[in-house]
Amino acid sequence: MPRLTRADLDALPSYVPGRSPADLAAELGLPEAIKLASNEVPYGPLPGVAEAVAEATATTHRYPDMGVVALRQALAQRLGVDAGRIATGCGSVAVLEHLVKATCAPGDEVVYSWRSFEAYPIVVAGVGARSVQVPNTPEHGHDLDAMLAAIGPRTRMVIVCNPNNPTGTSVGKDKLRAFIDAVPQDVMIVLDEAYLEFATDEDAVDGLVDFGDRDNVVTTRTFSKAWGMAGLRTGYLVGSETVADTIRKIVTPFSTNSCAQSAALAALAAEDEMKRRAALVVAERERVTAAIQKLVPDAPRSQANFVWLPLRDDAVKFAKHCESQAIIVRPFAGDGVRVSFGTSEQNDRFLSVAEGFFAE
C-alpha cells in the first residue's frame, strides 16, 4: 500500500493528555483518585457559566457566530484594544497553530525554549517547519541570549511561554524588553500567556500592557486555566489588525462553538470570582512550593498554577509512586515532574505521598 501521510511526522511524539482519575481509581480499587496533572483549577465552573452553557444548548442545531463578535467585543472592552486586533480559536494552542500556519512555510524555523509546552513541536511540524529548541537555563527558565543567537535567516517565529509550562518560571520586563528590541522586525514574537492570571511577581509581564504597541508581538491567552473552562476550549490572540485579520481568515470555520462563546461571556462577567480563586491557587502555590523545596531544593519558584520538580532520571519513578497512591502527576521522562495545585486537602495528600517517596 502506498504511503499516504508524511514520513517526517513518524518521529513526532504524540501529545500526552493527563490520565483519567476514574481509570486509576478503578485500577486501584478505590472510590476516587486525585488528578494533579493537567493544570486545571479545582473549584468548578465560574458562577453563571453552567447556566450559560445550558441555555446555549437550546440552539446547538444552528451554527455559532463565526465572527465571535460578542466575545471579541467583550474582550476588547476588558483589554482596552480594538476588537479588530482579536482572533479566537479552540484554545490558545489552536490559535498558535493558526499563527504558525499563517507565518511559516515548509523549511522555515520556529525558535522556543525547551523544555516548554509540549504542543510546540507538534504544531511546528504540522506545517513542515522546523523547531529550534534552546535549552532552558540551569534555573529552568528561558535563556533569552541563547534564543536570540538561535535566530537565523529561516526564522519566522519565536515563542516565549511566560510563565513557562512546565517549569513555572517567568521572564521579567526588562529582560524581555531587551530581547524583543533585538529580535528582527520580520520575525513574529508570540507571548504565550496561558498562566498570566497566576503571575504575582512584581516584575511579571503583561504582554498587552508592556508590548501591545509592537507590530511583531502577538499575545495568546486562554479561558482554560484561571477562567475554569478547560473542557470548553476557548482561546484568543491579540496582535496587529493585519495579523488578527489573517488568522480569522484561515481559522477552522466555527471552531469557537456556541456553548464556548456563551460560557466565555459569562466567565468574563464573573471576573472578581476568578481573581478570588486565582488568589487561592497562589496561596497554595506558596505553601506547597515551600514544602517541595525542602525535598527538592532546586525546584524553581513558580508563577503558574503548578510546580516543577526537576527529578531528571527519577521523574517516571516518582510519578508511578504517586499513581500507586491514587495521585496523578505529569512526568517528563529524563527531565522532571509537573504537579498542578488542587484543593488544600488534595495538596496535603500529595505532599504526604511525596515525602514518602523521598523517605524511601
Foldseek 3Di string as FASTA:
>chain_A
DDDDDDPVCPPQDDDDDFDDQVVLCVVLVHPTFAEFAHQAAAPAAFPPLVVLLVVLVVPQVDFADQQLVVLLVLVCVVLVHDSLQKAKFQALLLVVLLLLVVFAAAAAEEEEEPPFDSCVCVSQVVRNYYYDYHYADLLRADPLVVSLVPDDPRAAEYEHEACTPPQQDGDFLVVVVVSVVSHDLRHAYEYEPQFVLLADDPRGDDCCVRPVVRQRYKYKYGCRHLNRPVVQRMIMMGHDSVSNVSSSVPHDGSRNGSSNSSSSVSSSVRVVVSSVSSVQLNVVLVVLVVLVCVLQVSWHRHSGQKTKRQPFQCAVVLQVLSSSVRYHWAGDHRGTTITGDYHPVVSVSVSVSSVVVSVD
